Amino acid sequence: MWAPSGRELYYLGLPDAARPSDVRLFAVGFAATAPVGIGQPRLLFETPRLVVTTTPLRGYDIAPDGRRFLFLQRPDTPPAPFPCEMHVVLNWFEELKAKVPAGR
């Protein structure tokens, strides 16, 4: 992904061997000169929670001013399981009246 200024390119790098589950985001300077100027890559972020997609959509973006990133992150805890059963209570009002006297 290009920086809004057009002078940097951001890319996801391969995981570090010591932390293979981490996703690493790098930046490299770029100058459209003759010959093309490409700087040294520098690590910006490293996180195990960054969402990496294999579709054309990225799991990250940069603000228009180029000062902040927005990341999709995996949650710390797995989502709650989808409910697989439902309890329907019929005539519950009659049961309530039987258990609680009317004068209360």
PDB file of N, CA and C in Angstrom:
ATOM      1  N   MET A   1       0.854  -1.155   0.000  1.00  0.00           N
ATOM      2  CA  MET A   1       0.000   0.000   0.000  1.00  0.00           C
ATOM      3  C   MET A   1       0.907   1.227   0.000  1.00  0.00           C
ATOM      4  N   TRP A   2       0.559   2.194  -0.830  1.00  0.00           N
ATOM      5  CA  TRP A   2       1.325   3.426  -0.899  1.00  0.00           C
ATOM      6  C   TRP A   2       0.908   4.396   0.199  1.00  0.00           C
ATOM      7  N   ALA A   3       1.889   5.125   0.722  1.00  0.00           N
ATOM      8  CA  ALA A   3       1.604   6.218   1.658  1.00  0.00           C
ATOM      9  C   ALA A   3       0.897   7.323   0.878  1.00  0.00           C
ATOM     10  N   PRO A   4       0.065   8.135   1.540  1.00  0.00           N
ATOM     11  CA  PRO A   4      -0.605   9.228   0.843  1.00  0.00           C
ATOM     12  C   PRO A   4       0.373  10.178   0.140  1.00  0.00           C
ATOM     13  N   SER A   5       1.571  10.318   0.669  1.00  0.00           N
ATOM     14  CA  SER A   5       2.564  11.198   0.058  1.00  0.00           C
ATOM     15  C   SER A   5       3.157  10.599  -1.219  1.00  0.00           C
ATOM     16  N   GLY A   6       3.040   9.281  -1.397  1.00  0.00           N
ATOM     17  CA  GLY A   6       3.634   8.612  -2.545  1.00  0.00           C
ATOM     18  C   GLY A   6       5.127   8.366  -2.388  1.00  0.00           C
ATOM     19  N   ARG A   7       5.678   8.660  -1.199  1.00  0.00           N
ATOM     20  CA  ARG A   7       7.121   8.507  -0.996  1.00  0.00           C
ATOM     21  C   ARG A   7       7.487   7.283  -0.172  1.00  0.00           C
ATOM     22  N   GLU A   8       6.472   6.518   0.261  1.00  0.00           N
ATOM     23  CA  GLU A   8       6.731   5.278   1.005  1.00  0.00           C
ATOM     24  C   GLU A   8       5.778   4.207   0.540  1.00  0.00           C
ATOM     25  N   LEU A   9       6.243   2.985   0.654  1.00  0.00           N
ATOM     26  CA  LEU A   9       5.428   1.819   0.334  1.00  0.00           C
ATOM     27  C   LEU A   9       5.371   0.959   1.587  1.00  0.00           C
ATOM     28  N   TYR A  10       4.158   0.548   1.974  1.00  0.00           N
ATOM     29  CA  TYR A  10       3.963  -0.311   3.142  1.00  0.00           C
ATOM     30  C   TYR A  10       3.644  -1.714   2.652  1.00  0.00           C
ATOM     31  N   TYR A  11       4.199  -2.706   3.338  1.00  0.00           N
ATOM     32  CA  TYR A  11       3.935  -4.083   2.937  1.00  0.00           C
ATOM     33  C   TYR A  11       4.048  -5.012   4.136  1.00  0.00           C
ATOM     34  N   LEU A  12       3.388  -6.160   4.032  1.00  0.00           N
ATOM     35  CA  LEU A  12       3.467  -7.186   5.063  1.00  0.00           C
ATOM     36  C   LEU A  12       4.657  -8.074   4.762  1.00  0.00           C
ATOM     37  N   GLY A  13       5.476  -8.299   5.768  1.00  0.00           N
ATOM     38  CA  GLY A  13       6.659  -9.133   5.607  1.00  0.00           C
ATOM     39  C   GLY A  13       6.420 -10.534   6.128  1.00  0.00           C
ATOM     40  N   LEU A  14       7.372 -11.389   5.851  1.00  0.00           N
ATOM     41  CA  LEU A  14       7.305 -12.761   6.347  1.00  0.00           C
ATOM     42  C   LEU A  14       7.488 -12.763   7.859  1.00  0.00           C
ATOM     43  N   PRO A  15       6.880 -13.727   8.549  1.00  0.00           N
ATOM     44  CA  PRO A  15       7.037 -13.789  10.000  1.00  0.00           C
ATOM     45  C   PRO A  15       8.488 -14.059  10.395  1.00  0.00           C
ATOM     46  N   ASP A  16       8.848 -13.588  11.568  1.00  0.00           N
ATOM     47  CA  ASP A  16      10.158 -13.864  12.145  1.00  0.00           C
ATOM     48  C   ASP A  16      10.174 -15.318  12.605  1.00  0.00           C
ATOM     49  N   ALA A  17      11.281 -16.004  12.447  1.00  0.00           N
ATOM     50  CA  ALA A  17      11.376 -17.411  12.847  1.00  0.00           C
ATOM     51  C   ALA A  17      11.127 -17.588  14.343  1.00  0.00           C
ATOM     52  N   ALA A  18      11.486 -16.594  15.145  1.00  0.00           N
ATOM     53  CA  ALA A  18      11.289 -16.689  16.595  1.00  0.00           C
ATOM     54  C   ALA A  18       9.835 -16.497  16.995  1.00  0.00           C
ATOM     55  N   ARG A  19       9.062 -15.792  16.148  1.00  0.00           N
ATOM     56  CA  ARG A  19       7.653 -15.522  16.455  1.00  0.00           C
ATOM     57  C   ARG A  19       6.833 -15.752  15.188  1.00  0.00           C
ATOM     58  N   PRO A  20       6.653 -17.007  14.793  1.00  0.00           N
ATOM     59  CA  PRO A  20       6.011 -17.287  13.497  1.00  0.00           C
ATOM     60  C   PRO A  20       4.550 -16.875  13.393  1.00  0.00           C
ATOM     61  N   SER A  21       3.861 -16.654  14.509  1.00  0.00           N
ATOM     62  CA  SER A  21       2.443 -16.264  14.424  1.00  0.00           C
ATOM     63  C   SER A  21       2.274 -14.760  14.249  1.00  0.00           C
ATOM     64  N   ASP A  22       3.347 -13.999  14.421  1.00  0.00           N
ATOM     65  CA  ASP A  22       3.244 -12.542  14.311  1.00  0.00           C
ATOM     66  C   ASP A  22       3.204 -12.092  12.851  1.00  0.00           C
ATOM     67  N   VAL A  23       2.474 -11.035  12.621  1.00  0.00           N
ATOM     68  CA  VAL A  23       2.420 -10.390  11.313  1.00  0.00           C
ATOM     69  C   VAL A  23       3.257  -9.123  11.426  1.00  0.00           C
ATOM     70  N   ARG A  24       4.091  -8.868  10.421  1.00  0.00           N
ATOM     71  CA  ARG A  24       4.992  -7.722  10.474  1.00  0.00           C
ATOM     72  C   ARG A  24       4.694  -6.767   9.324  1.00  0.00           C
ATOM     73  N   LEU A  25       4.523  -5.479   9.668  1.00  0.00           N
ATOM     74  CA  LEU A  25       4.274  -4.440   8.671  1.00  0.00           C
ATOM     75  C   LEU A  25       5.538  -3.604   8.529  1.00  0.00           C
ATOM     76  N   PHE A  26       6.004  -3.467   7.287  1.00  0.00           N
ATOM     77  CA  PHE A  26       7.220  -2.721   6.989  1.00  0.00           C
ATOM     78  C   PHE A  26       6.902  -1.491   6.158  1.00  0.00           C
ATOM     79  N   ALA A  27       7.843  -0.546   6.166  1.00  0.00           N
ATOM     80  CA  ALA A  27       7.787   0.628   5.283  1.00  0.00           C
ATOM     81  C   ALA A  27       9.128   0.724   4.577  1.00  0.00           C
ATOM     82  N   VAL A  28       9.083   1.151   3.339  1.00  0.00           N
ATOM     83  CA  VAL A  28      10.316   1.388   2.588  1.00  0.00           C
ATOM     84  C   VAL A  28      10.139   2.692   1.818  1.00  0.00           C
ATOM     85  N   GLY A  29      11.168   3.530   1.885  1.00  0.00           N
ATOM     86  CA  GLY A  29      11.129   4.791   1.169  1.00  0.00           C
ATOM     87  C   GLY A  29      11.247   4.570  -0.336  1.00  0.00           C
ATOM     88  N   PHE A  30      10.630   5.471  -1.098  1.00  0.00           N
ATOM     89  CA  PHE A  30      10.616   5.340  -2.552  1.00  0.00           C
ATOM     90  C   PHE A  30      10.741   6.727  -3.172  1.00  0.00           C
ATOM     91  N   ALA A  31      11.592   6.830  -4.178  1.00  0.00           N
ATOM     92  CA  ALA A  31      11.733   8.082  -4.924  1.00  0.00           C
ATOM     93  C   ALA A  31      11.673   7.752  -6.408  1.00  0.00           C
ATOM     94  N   ALA A  32      10.769   8.415  -7.113  1.00  0.00           N
ATOM     95  CA  ALA A  32      10.596   8.171  -8.548  1.00  0.00           C
ATOM     96  C   ALA A  32      11.622   8.998  -9.320  1.00  0.00           C
ATOM     97  N   THR A  33      12.866   8.615  -9.161  1.00  0.00           N
ATOM     98  CA  THR A  33      13.957   9.286  -9.851  1.00  0.00           C
ATOM     99  C   THR A  33      14.554   8.326 -10.867  1.00  0.00           C
ATOM    100  N   ALA A  34      15.539   8.785 -11.607  1.00  0.00           N
ATOM    101  CA  ALA A  34      16.236   7.897 -12.536  1.00  0.00           C
ATOM    102  C   ALA A  34      17.675   7.748 -12.042  1.00  0.00           C
ATOM    103  N   PRO A  35      18.111   6.608 -11.568  1.00  0.00           N
ATOM    104  CA  PRO A  35      17.336   5.387 -11.352  1.00  0.00           C
ATOM    105  C   PRO A  35      16.411   5.535 -10.141  1.00  0.00           C
ATOM    106  N   VAL A  36      15.452   4.631 -10.077  1.00  0.00           N
ATOM    107  CA  VAL A  36      14.472   4.638  -8.985  1.00  0.00           C
ATOM    108  C   VAL A  36      15.200   4.473  -7.654  1.00  0.00           C
ATOM    109  N   GLY A  37      14.833   5.294  -6.674  1.00  0.00           N
ATOM    110  CA  GLY A  37      15.448   5.215  -5.350  1.00  0.00           C
ATOM    111  C   GLY A  37      14.577   4.429  -4.389  1.00  0.00           C
ATOM    112  N   ILE A  38      15.122   3.337  -3.867  1.00  0.00           N
ATOM    113  CA  ILE A  38      14.412   2.514  -2.895  1.00  0.00           C
ATOM    114  C   ILE A  38      15.258   2.444  -1.637  1.00  0.00           C
ATOM    115  N   GLY A  39      14.668   2.854  -0.514  1.00  0.00           N
ATOM    116  CA  GLY A  39      15.397   2.893   0.752  1.00  0.00           C
ATOM    117  C   GLY A  39      15.464   1.537   1.431  1.00  0.00           C
ATOM    118  N   GLN A  40      15.983   1.544   2.644  1.00  0.00           N
ATOM    119  CA  GLN A  40      16.074   0.341   3.463  1.00  0.00           C
ATOM    120  C   GLN A  40      14.726   0.084   4.134  1.00  0.00           C
ATOM    121  N   PRO A  41      14.220  -1.143   4.079  1.00  0.00           N
ATOM    122  CA  PRO A  41      12.961  -1.446   4.775  1.00  0.00           C
ATOM    123  C   PRO A  41      13.125  -1.252   6.283  1.00  0.00           C
ATOM    124  N   ARG A  42      12.057  -0.757   6.907  1.00  0.00           N
ATOM    125  CA  ARG A  42      12.070  -0.645   8.366  1.00  0.00           C
ATOM    126  C   ARG A  42      10.776  -1.219   8.926  1.00  0.00           C
ATOM    127  N   LEU A  43      10.902  -1.921  10.032  1.00  0.00           N
ATOM    128  CA  LEU A  43       9.753  -2.551  10.690  1.00  0.00           C
ATOM    129  C   LEU A  43       8.941  -1.475  11.395  1.00  0.00           C
ATOM    130  N   LEU A  44       7.629  -1.435  11.095  1.00  0.00           N
ATOM    131  CA  LEU A  44       6.736  -0.490  11.757  1.00  0.00           C
ATOM    132  C   LEU A  44       5.979  -1.138  12.902  1.00  0.00           C
ATOM    133  N   PHE A  45       5.383  -2.307  12.628  1.00  0.00           N
ATOM    134  CA  PHE A  45       4.549  -2.990  13.616  1.00  0.00           C
ATOM    135  C   PHE A  45       4.785  -4.487  13.520  1.00  0.00           C
ATOM    136  N   GLU A  46       4.612  -5.132  14.657  1.00  0.00           N
ATOM    137  CA  GLU A  46       4.647  -6.589  14.712  1.00  0.00           C
ATOM    138  C   GLU A  46       3.609  -7.016  15.731  1.00  0.00           C
ATOM    139  N   THR A  47       2.637  -7.801  15.293  1.00  0.00           N
ATOM    140  CA  THR A  47       1.557  -8.190  16.187  1.00  0.00           C
ATOM    141  C   THR A  47       1.011  -9.556  15.808  1.00  0.00           C
ATOM    142  N   PRO A  48       0.613 -10.363  16.790  1.00  0.00           N
ATOM    143  CA  PRO A  48      -0.006 -11.650  16.465  1.00  0.00           C
ATOM    144  C   PRO A  48      -1.487 -11.512  16.155  1.00  0.00           C
ATOM    145  N   ARG A  49      -2.061 -10.324  16.358  1.00  0.00           N
ATOM    146  CA  ARG A  49      -3.515 -10.174  16.238  1.00  0.00           C
ATOM    147  C   ARG A  49      -3.958  -9.512  14.942  1.00  0.00           C
ATOM    148  N   LEU A  50      -3.038  -9.067  14.108  1.00  0.00           N
ATOM    149  CA  LEU A  50      -3.421  -8.399  12.872  1.00  0.00           C
ATOM    150  C   LEU A  50      -4.106  -9.381  11.935  1.00  0.00           C
ATOM    151  N   VAL A  51      -5.234  -8.972  11.380  1.00  0.00           N
ATOM    152  CA  VAL A  51      -5.972  -9.813  10.441  1.00  0.00           C
ATOM    153  C   VAL A  51      -5.312  -9.695   9.076  1.00  0.00           C
ATOM    154  N   VAL A  52      -4.874 -10.821   8.545  1.00  0.00           N
ATOM    155  CA  VAL A  52      -4.281 -10.854   7.215  1.00  0.00           C
ATOM    156  C   VAL A  52      -5.259 -11.571   6.300  1.00  0.00           C
ATOM    157  N   THR A  53      -5.668 -10.893   5.249  1.00  0.00           N
ATOM    158  CA  THR A  53      -6.613 -11.506   4.330  1.00  0.00           C
ATOM    159  C   THR A  53      -5.891 -11.920   3.053  1.00  0.00           C
ATOM    160  N   THR A  54      -6.458 -12.891   2.372  1.00  0.00           N
ATOM    161  CA  THR A  54      -5.881 -13.347   1.108  1.00  0.00           C
ATOM    162  C   THR A  54      -6.711 -12.858  -0.069  1.00  0.00           C
ATOM    163  N   THR A  55      -7.624 -11.958   0.205  1.00  0.00           N
ATOM    164  CA  THR A  55      -8.445 -11.368  -0.849  1.00  0.00           C
ATOM    165  C   THR A  55      -7.826 -10.029  -1.241  1.00  0.00           C
ATOM    166  N   PRO A  56      -8.374  -9.360  -2.217  1.00  0.00           N
ATOM    167  CA  PRO A  56      -7.830  -8.044  -2.562  1.00  0.00           C
ATOM    168  C   PRO A  56      -7.989  -7.000  -1.456  1.00  0.00           C
ATOM    169  N   LEU A  57      -8.772  -7.284  -0.439  1.00  0.00           N
ATOM    170  CA  LEU A  57      -8.968  -6.329   0.657  1.00  0.00           C
ATOM    171  C   LEU A  57      -7.873  -6.506   1.698  1.00  0.00           C
ATOM    172  N   ARG A  58      -7.335  -5.397   2.194  1.00  0.00           N
ATOM    173  CA  ARG A  58      -6.301  -5.447   3.230  1.00  0.00           C
ATOM    174  C   ARG A  58      -6.936  -5.419   4.614  1.00  0.00           C
ATOM    175  N   GLY A  59      -6.219  -5.921   5.603  1.00  0.00           N
ATOM    176  CA  GLY A  59      -6.651  -5.847   6.988  1.00  0.00           C
ATOM    177  C   GLY A  59      -6.111  -4.608   7.677  1.00  0.00           C
ATOM    178  N   TYR A  60      -5.576  -3.663   6.898  1.00  0.00           N
ATOM    179  CA  TYR A  60      -5.047  -2.427   7.463  1.00  0.00           C
ATOM    180  C   TYR A  60      -5.173  -1.313   6.432  1.00  0.00           C
ATOM    181  N   ASP A  61      -5.117  -0.074   6.924  1.00  0.00           N
ATOM    182  CA  ASP A  61      -5.138   1.084   6.035  1.00  0.00           C
ATOM    183  C   ASP A  61      -4.452   2.233   6.760  1.00  0.00           C
ATOM    184  N   ILE A  62      -4.201   3.291   6.044  1.00  0.00           N
ATOM    185  CA  ILE A  62      -3.530   4.458   6.623  1.00  0.00           C
ATOM    186  C   ILE A  62      -4.448   5.669   6.490  1.00  0.00           C
ATOM    187  N   ALA A  63      -4.382   6.545   7.482  1.00  0.00           N
ATOM    188  CA  ALA A  63      -5.186   7.766   7.458  1.00  0.00           C
ATOM    189  C   ALA A  63      -4.727   8.657   6.300  1.00  0.00           C
ATOM    190  N   PRO A  64      -5.624   9.490   5.793  1.00  0.00           N
ATOM    191  CA  PRO A  64      -5.258  10.357   4.670  1.00  0.00           C
ATOM    192  C   PRO A  64      -4.052  11.264   4.949  1.00  0.00           C
ATOM    193  N   ASP A  65      -3.844  11.650   6.223  1.00  0.00           N
ATOM    194  CA  ASP A  65      -2.692  12.503   6.539  1.00  0.00           C
ATOM    195  C   ASP A  65      -1.401  11.696   6.687  1.00  0.00           C
ATOM    196  N   GLY A  66      -1.494  10.351   6.637  1.00  0.00           N
ATOM    197  CA  GLY A  66      -0.316   9.494   6.717  1.00  0.00           C
ATOM    198  C   GLY A  66       0.270   9.339   8.099  1.00  0.00           C
ATOM    199  N   ARG A  67      -0.446   9.783   9.125  1.00  0.00           N
ATOM    200  CA  ARG A  67       0.108   9.742  10.483  1.00  0.00           C
ATOM    201  C   ARG A  67      -0.398   8.588  11.334  1.00  0.00           C
ATOM    202  N   ARG A  68      -1.481   7.925  10.922  1.00  0.00           N
ATOM    203  CA  ARG A  68      -2.057   6.841  11.730  1.00  0.00           C
ATOM    204  C   ARG A  68      -2.451   5.671  10.844  1.00  0.00           C
ATOM    205  N   PHE A  69      -2.384   4.484  11.441  1.00  0.00           N
ATOM    206  CA  PHE A  69      -2.842   3.272  10.766  1.00  0.00           C
ATOM    207  C   PHE A  69      -4.103   2.765  11.439  1.00  0.00           C
ATOM    208  N   LEU A  70      -4.905   2.077  10.674  1.00  0.00           N
ATOM    209  CA  LEU A  70      -6.091   1.397  11.185  1.00  0.00           C
ATOM    210  C   LEU A  70      -5.910  -0.076  10.865  1.00  0.00           C
ATOM    211  N   PHE A  71      -6.071  -0.928  11.878  1.00  0.00           N
ATOM    212  CA  PHE A  71      -5.885  -2.363  11.707  1.00  0.00           C
ATOM    213  C   PHE A  71      -7.134  -3.123  12.100  1.00  0.00           C
ATOM    214  N   LEU A  72      -7.452  -4.164  11.375  1.00  0.00           N
ATOM    215  CA  LEU A  72      -8.433  -5.139  11.836  1.00  0.00           C
ATOM    216  C   LEU A  72      -7.658  -6.129  12.689  1.00  0.00           C
ATOM    217  N   GLN A  73      -8.166  -6.399  13.880  1.00  0.00           N
ATOM    218  CA  GLN A  73      -7.470  -7.310  14.771  1.00  0.00           C
ATOM    219  C   GLN A  73      -8.371  -8.455  15.165  1.00  0.00           C
ATOM    220  N   ARG A  74      -7.741  -9.596  15.362  1.00  0.00           N
ATOM    221  CA  ARG A  74      -8.466 -10.742  15.902  1.00  0.00           C
ATOM    222  C   ARG A  74      -8.771 -10.458  17.367  1.00  0.00           C
ATOM    223  N   PRO A  75      -9.913 -10.901  17.868  1.00  0.00           N
ATOM    224  CA  PRO A  75     -10.215 -10.672  19.290  1.00  0.00           C
ATOM    225  C   PRO A  75      -9.286 -11.482  20.187  1.00  0.00           C
ATOM    226  N   ASP A  76      -9.103 -10.979  21.427  1.00  0.00           N
ATOM    227  CA  ASP A  76      -8.278 -11.702  22.396  1.00  0.00           C
ATOM    228  C   ASP A  76      -8.898 -13.039  22.766  1.00  0.00           C
ATOM    229  N   THR A  77     -10.204 -13.075  22.821  1.00  0.00           N
ATOM    230  CA  THR A  77     -10.899 -14.304  23.185  1.00  0.00           C
ATOM    231  C   THR A  77     -11.760 -14.748  22.011  1.00  0.00           C
ATOM    232  N   PRO A  78     -11.969 -16.030  21.882  1.00  0.00           N
ATOM    233  CA  PRO A  78     -12.823 -16.483  20.778  1.00  0.00           C
ATOM    234  C   PRO A  78     -14.251 -15.997  20.983  1.00  0.00           C
ATOM    235  N   PRO A  79     -14.990 -15.800  19.906  1.00  0.00           N
ATOM    236  CA  PRO A  79     -16.373 -15.355  20.056  1.00  0.00           C
ATOM    237  C   PRO A  79     -17.221 -16.410  20.750  1.00  0.00           C
ATOM    238  N   ALA A  80     -18.272 -15.950  21.403  1.00  0.00           N
ATOM    239  CA  ALA A  80     -19.186 -16.874  22.076  1.00  0.00           C
ATOM    240  C   ALA A  80     -19.842 -17.785  21.041  1.00  0.00           C
ATOM    241  N   PRO A  81     -20.073 -19.033  21.399  1.00  0.00           N
ATOM    242  CA  PRO A  81     -20.708 -19.924  20.434  1.00  0.00           C
ATOM    243  C   PRO A  81     -22.134 -19.474  20.122  1.00  0.00           C
ATOM    244  N   PHE A  82     -22.544 -19.730  18.922  1.00  0.00           N
ATOM    245  CA  PHE A  82     -23.895 -19.387  18.502  1.00  0.00           C
ATOM    246  C   PHE A  82     -24.876 -20.265  19.266  1.00  0.00           C
ATOM    247  N   PRO A  83     -25.969 -19.699  19.826  1.00  0.00           N
ATOM    248  CA  PRO A  83     -26.911 -20.528  20.577  1.00  0.00           C
ATOM    249  C   PRO A  83     -27.500 -21.621  19.686  1.00  0.00           C
ATOM    250  N   CYS A  84     -27.545 -22.819  20.228  1.00  0.00           N
ATOM    251  CA  CYS A  84     -28.063 -23.930  19.424  1.00  0.00           C
ATOM    252  C   CYS A  84     -29.391 -24.463  19.963  1.00  0.00           C
ATOM    253  N   GLU A  85     -29.881 -23.859  21.034  1.00  0.00           N
ATOM    254  CA  GLU A  85     -31.205 -24.272  21.519  1.00  0.00           C
ATOM    255  C   GLU A  85     -31.921 -23.073  22.112  1.00  0.00           C
ATOM    256  N   MET A  86     -33.233 -23.166  22.160  1.00  0.00           N
ATOM    257  CA  MET A  86     -34.056 -22.091  22.692  1.00  0.00           C
ATOM    258  C   MET A  86     -35.120 -22.727  23.589  1.00  0.00           C
ATOM    259  N   HIS A  87     -35.347 -22.119  24.735  1.00  0.00           N
ATOM    260  CA  HIS A  87     -36.372 -22.602  25.654  1.00  0.00           C
ATOM    261  C   HIS A  87     -37.582 -21.675  25.569  1.00  0.00           C
ATOM    262  N   VAL A  88     -38.738 -22.236  25.300  1.00  0.00           N
ATOM    263  CA  VAL A  88     -39.978 -21.474  25.226  1.00  0.00           C
ATOM    264  C   VAL A  88     -40.830 -21.878  26.421  1.00  0.00           C
ATOM    265  N   VAL A  89     -41.201 -20.885  27.225  1.00  0.00           N
ATOM    266  CA  VAL A  89     -42.012 -21.151  28.411  1.00  0.00           C
ATOM    267  C   VAL A  89     -43.437 -20.688  28.107  1.00  0.00           C
ATOM    268  N   LEU A  90     -44.359 -21.616  28.152  1.00  0.00           N
ATOM    269  CA  LEU A  90     -45.761 -21.307  27.900  1.00  0.00           C
ATOM    270  C   LEU A  90     -46.480 -21.099  29.224  1.00  0.00           C
ATOM    271  N   ASN A  91     -47.455 -20.223  29.196  1.00  0.00           N
ATOM    272  CA  ASN A  91     -48.303 -19.959  30.372  1.00  0.00           C
ATOM    273  C   ASN A  91     -47.498 -19.519  31.590  1.00  0.00           C
ATOM    274  N   TRP A  92     -46.436 -18.775  31.387  1.00  0.00           N
ATOM    275  CA  TRP A  92     -45.600 -18.368  32.505  1.00  0.00           C
ATOM    276  C   TRP A  92     -46.317 -17.380  33.421  1.00  0.00           C
ATOM    277  N   PHE A  93     -47.231 -16.583  32.884  1.00  0.00           N
ATOM    278  CA  PHE A  93     -47.941 -15.618  33.708  1.00  0.00           C
ATOM    279  C   PHE A  93     -48.829 -16.337  34.724  1.00  0.00           C
ATOM    280  N   GLU A  94     -49.478 -17.420  34.307  1.00  0.00           N
ATOM    281  CA  GLU A  94     -50.310 -18.198  35.239  1.00  0.00           C
ATOM    282  C   GLU A  94     -49.445 -18.817  36.329  1.00  0.00           C
ATOM    283  N   GLU A  95     -48.284 -19.281  35.985  1.00  0.00           N
ATOM    284  CA  GLU A  95     -47.376 -19.858  36.990  1.00  0.00           C
ATOM    285  C   GLU A  95     -46.920 -18.769  37.958  1.00  0.00           C
ATOM    286  N   LEU A  96     -46.650 -17.573  37.454  1.00  0.00           N
ATOM    287  CA  LEU A  96     -46.249 -16.464  38.309  1.00  0.00           C
ATOM    288  C   LEU A  96     -47.363 -16.112  39.289  1.00  0.00           C
ATOM    289  N   LYS A  97     -48.619 -16.041  38.798  1.00  0.00           N
ATOM    290  CA  LYS A  97     -49.743 -15.738  39.688  1.00  0.00           C
ATOM    291  C   LYS A  97     -49.901 -16.801  40.759  1.00  0.00           C
ATOM    292  N   ALA A  98     -49.648 -18.068  40.442  1.00  0.00           N
ATOM    293  CA  ALA A  98     -49.769 -19.141  41.430  1.00  0.00           C
ATOM    294  C   ALA A  98     -48.690 -19.053  42.499  1.00  0.00           C
ATOM    295  N   LYS A  99     -47.502 -18.573  42.120  1.00  0.00           N
ATOM    296  CA  LYS A  99     -46.386 -18.529  43.081  1.00  0.00           C
ATOM    297  C   LYS A  99     -46.367 -17.239  43.900  1.00  0.00           C
ATOM    298  N   VAL A 100     -46.932 -16.134  43.390  1.00  0.00           N
ATOM    299  CA  VAL A 100     -46.937 -14.859  44.099  1.00  0.00           C
ATOM    300  C   VAL A 100     -48.390 -14.474  44.353  1.00  0.00           C
ATOM    301  N   PRO A 101     -48.793 -14.378  45.604  1.00  0.00           N
ATOM    302  CA  PRO A 101     -50.170 -13.990  45.898  1.00  0.00           C
ATOM    303  C   PRO A 101     -50.491 -12.593  45.335  1.00  0.00           C
ATOM    304  N   ALA A 102     -51.760 -12.373  44.997  1.00  0.00           N
ATOM    305  CA  ALA A 102     -52.192 -11.141  44.342  1.00  0.00           C
ATOM    306  C   ALA A 102     -52.049  -9.908  45.203  1.00  0.00           C
ATOM    307  N   GLY A 103     -52.042  -9.994  46.510  1.00  0.00           N
ATOM    308  CA  GLY A 103     -51.986  -8.838  47.397  1.00  0.00           C
ATOM    309  C   GLY A 103     -50.593  -8.263  47.557  1.00  0.00           C
ATOM    310  N   ARG A 104     -49.602  -8.782  47.019  1.00  0.00           N
ATOM    311  CA  ARG A 104     -48.231  -8.312  47.237  1.00  0.00           C
ATOM    312  C   ARG A 104     -47.825  -7.310  46.262  1.00  0.00           C
TER     313      ARG A 104
END
